[in-house]
Protein backbone atom coordinates (compact mmCIF):
# COMPACT_ATOMS: atom_id res chain seq x y z
CA MET A 1 -8.74 15.54 17.88
CA ALA A 2 -7.05 14.38 14.88
CA ASP A 3 -3.50 15.84 13.54
CA VAL A 4 -2.49 17.40 16.95
CA LYS A 5 0.70 19.45 16.17
CA VAL A 6 3.27 18.97 18.66
CA PRO A 7 4.39 22.31 19.70
CA GLY A 8 8.28 22.94 18.79
CA GLY A 9 8.07 19.42 17.56
CA ASN A 10 9.59 20.03 14.08
CA ASN A 11 6.70 19.18 11.84
CA ARG A 12 5.64 16.46 14.29
CA GLN A 13 1.86 15.73 14.94
CA CYS A 14 -0.11 13.28 16.98
CA ASP A 15 -2.49 11.31 14.91
CA LEU A 16 -5.38 11.30 17.34
CA LEU A 17 -5.77 12.29 20.82
CA ALA A 18 -8.84 11.24 22.43
CA TYR A 19 -10.74 11.56 25.66
CA ASN A 20 -13.50 9.08 26.87
CA ALA A 21 -16.12 10.95 29.02
CA ALA A 22 -17.91 8.13 30.34
CA THR A 23 -14.48 6.15 31.32
CA GLN A 24 -12.18 9.35 31.62
CA GLU A 25 -9.63 7.16 29.59
CA GLN A 26 -7.29 9.28 27.68
CA TYR A 27 -5.67 8.08 24.31
CA HIS A 28 -2.90 8.72 22.10
CA ALA A 29 -3.35 6.67 19.05
CA GLU A 30 -1.08 6.43 15.95
CA SER A 31 -1.66 4.45 12.92
CA SER A 32 -0.09 2.78 9.99
CA VAL A 33 -2.31 0.60 8.14
CA THR A 34 -2.07 -1.17 4.96
CA HIS A 35 -3.69 -4.55 3.96
CA ARG A 36 -0.55 -5.42 2.04
CA GLU A 37 0.96 -8.36 4.69
CA ASN A 38 4.31 -7.92 3.32
CA TRP A 39 4.49 -4.06 4.56
CA CYS A 40 3.01 -4.88 8.06
CA PRO A 41 5.72 -4.15 10.71
CA ASP A 42 7.67 -6.53 12.67
CA THR A 43 8.66 -5.98 16.18
CA LYS A 44 12.12 -4.44 15.25
CA LYS A 45 10.19 -1.86 12.84
CA LEU A 46 7.91 -1.17 15.68
CA SER A 47 10.79 -0.28 18.03
CA ASP A 48 11.71 2.54 15.27
CA ILE A 49 7.82 3.71 14.88
CA PHE A 50 7.39 3.62 18.63
CA ASP A 51 10.56 5.70 19.26
CA LYS A 52 9.58 8.36 16.59
CA LYS A 53 5.85 8.51 17.43
CA PHE A 54 5.59 8.28 21.12
CA ARG A 55 9.09 9.01 22.51
CA GLY A 56 9.83 11.79 20.07
CA VAL A 57 13.11 10.37 18.88
CA PRO A 58 14.40 11.91 15.44
CA PRO A 59 14.89 9.46 12.66
CA ARG A 60 18.71 8.50 12.08
CA ARG A 61 20.36 10.81 9.73
CA GLU A 62 23.85 11.33 8.82
CA GLY A 63 25.69 14.55 9.61
CA SER A 64 26.77 16.29 12.74
CA LYS A 65 23.96 18.93 12.65
CA THR A 66 21.08 16.60 12.69
CA ASP A 67 18.75 16.42 15.74
CA PHE A 68 19.61 12.82 15.70
CA ALA A 69 23.43 13.38 16.07
CA LYS A 70 22.75 16.07 18.77
CA GLY A 71 20.52 13.45 20.72
CA LYS A 72 17.51 15.76 20.41
CA THR A 73 14.25 14.53 21.13
CA CYS A 74 10.92 16.13 21.50
CA TYR A 75 9.30 13.87 24.02
CA GLU A 76 8.57 16.94 26.33
CA ASN A 77 6.89 18.45 23.56
CA ILE A 78 4.76 15.39 22.96
CA LEU A 79 3.77 15.50 26.59
CA ARG A 80 3.07 19.62 26.34
CA ALA A 81 0.69 18.56 23.33
CA TYR A 82 -1.22 16.31 25.77
CA ARG A 83 -1.56 19.00 28.39
CA ASP A 84 -2.55 21.54 25.80
CA VAL A 85 -5.74 19.60 24.77
CA GLY A 86 -6.32 18.88 28.47
CA LEU A 87 -4.98 15.57 28.98
CA ASP A 88 -2.62 14.26 31.72
CA PRO A 89 0.45 12.58 30.49
CA SER A 90 0.68 10.05 33.32
CA LYS A 91 -2.86 9.02 32.35
CA VAL A 92 -2.56 8.94 28.51
CA ARG A 93 -2.87 5.32 26.97
CA ARG A 94 -0.69 5.10 24.01
CA VAL A 95 -1.90 2.82 20.99
CA PHE A 96 -0.49 2.00 17.81
CA ILE A 97 -2.82 0.70 15.34
CA THR A 98 -1.57 -1.49 12.41
CA TRP A 99 -3.18 -3.92 9.99
CA GLU A 100 -1.20 -6.64 11.63
CA VAL A 101 2.32 -7.47 13.10
CA ALA A 102 4.40 -9.56 10.84
CA ASP A 103 5.83 -11.46 13.85
CA PRO A 104 2.88 -11.70 16.35
CA ASN A 105 4.31 -14.30 18.36
CA ASN A 106 7.03 -11.66 19.53
CA LEU A 107 5.07 -9.22 20.38
CA ALA A 108 4.04 -9.50 23.98
CA GLY A 109 7.72 -10.01 24.75
CA PHE A 110 8.69 -7.20 22.68
CA LEU A 111 6.08 -4.75 24.32
CA ALA A 112 7.11 -5.83 27.93
CA GLU A 113 10.80 -5.14 26.98
CA TYR A 114 10.07 -1.66 25.51
CA GLU A 115 8.10 -0.56 28.54
CA GLN A 116 11.05 -1.87 30.89
CA LYS A 117 13.60 -0.17 28.93
CA TYR A 118 11.88 3.21 28.27
CA GLY A 119 8.95 3.51 30.79
CA VAL A 120 6.45 3.83 28.00
CA HIS A 121 3.81 1.28 27.97
CA ILE A 122 2.20 0.94 24.38
CA ASP A 123 -0.72 -1.19 23.36
CA VAL A 124 -0.90 -2.74 19.51
CA TRP A 125 -4.35 -2.95 18.11
CA GLY A 126 -4.79 -4.73 14.80
CA PHE A 127 -7.18 -3.32 12.49
CA ARG A 128 -8.01 -6.64 10.49
CA ASP A 129 -8.32 -8.71 13.56
CA ARG A 130 -9.76 -6.27 16.37
CA ILE A 131 -11.20 -2.92 14.92
CA LEU A 132 -12.84 -4.17 11.92
CA PRO A 133 -14.68 -6.93 13.73
CA GLU A 134 -15.62 -4.73 16.52
CA LEU A 135 -16.85 -1.96 14.36
CA THR A 136 -18.97 -4.46 12.13
CA ASN A 137 -20.40 -6.05 15.51
CA LYS A 138 -21.67 -2.47 16.71
CA ILE A 139 -23.21 -1.59 13.46
CA SER A 140 -27.03 -2.47 12.89
CA THR A 141 -29.00 -2.36 9.94
CA SER A 142 -30.02 1.27 10.32
CA ASN A 143 -30.02 3.32 6.80
CA TYR A 144 -26.88 5.39 7.69
CA ASP A 145 -26.15 8.59 5.82
CA ASP A 146 -22.67 8.04 6.20
CA GLU A 147 -21.23 5.88 3.49
CA VAL A 148 -18.63 4.20 5.66
CA LEU A 149 -21.05 2.92 8.04
CA ARG A 150 -23.56 1.91 5.37
CA THR A 151 -20.67 0.01 3.90
CA LEU A 152 -19.97 -1.83 7.15
CA SER A 153 -23.35 -2.46 7.82
CA LEU A 154 -23.83 -4.18 4.59
CA LEU A 155 -20.72 -6.26 5.15
CA ARG A 156 -22.05 -7.16 8.50
CA GLN A 157 -25.30 -8.63 7.09
CA ARG A 158 -23.67 -10.33 4.45
CA GLU A 159 -21.52 -12.25 7.10
CA LEU A 160 -24.31 -13.04 9.16
CA GLN A 161 -26.45 -14.26 6.23
CA THR A 162 -23.98 -16.29 4.69
CA ARG A 163 -22.37 -17.80 8.07
CA GLN A 164 -22.32 -21.65 7.68
CA PRO A 165 -24.05 -23.37 10.40
CA GLY A 166 -21.89 -25.25 13.12
């Protein structure tokens, strides 16, 4: 399910809640993808994104009446959104998708520290280096009705046909 509203979450939504019937895996995926490398998040920026998207922490705003100043979060509301669509919050796998991370050498340490600090495990998947290659490897040469699948099929065939030996 895409764009799932977080109940009582003050205009919050989950980008994607998914269930794999074959493996019983449950996912909450958030994404922010741009091909501009200078816009790719570093681990400091990821911390702010994770706080907002997965823990329901409000953005920092001035004023004593803001949710941030009051220390109000909507984490329980996010968990309720999971339950509302039939997911078990204790089994939901959180995934953040980005083109790439600006400081990839710091990523593993950052993710471990974040999980230890907040008790929330989050995987980061690179759209450029993980998702696109996996998609193009799964696409065959069928004449797809879907324009995106057809384009990926053409790109995959180009890659296979122009690959240099050795």
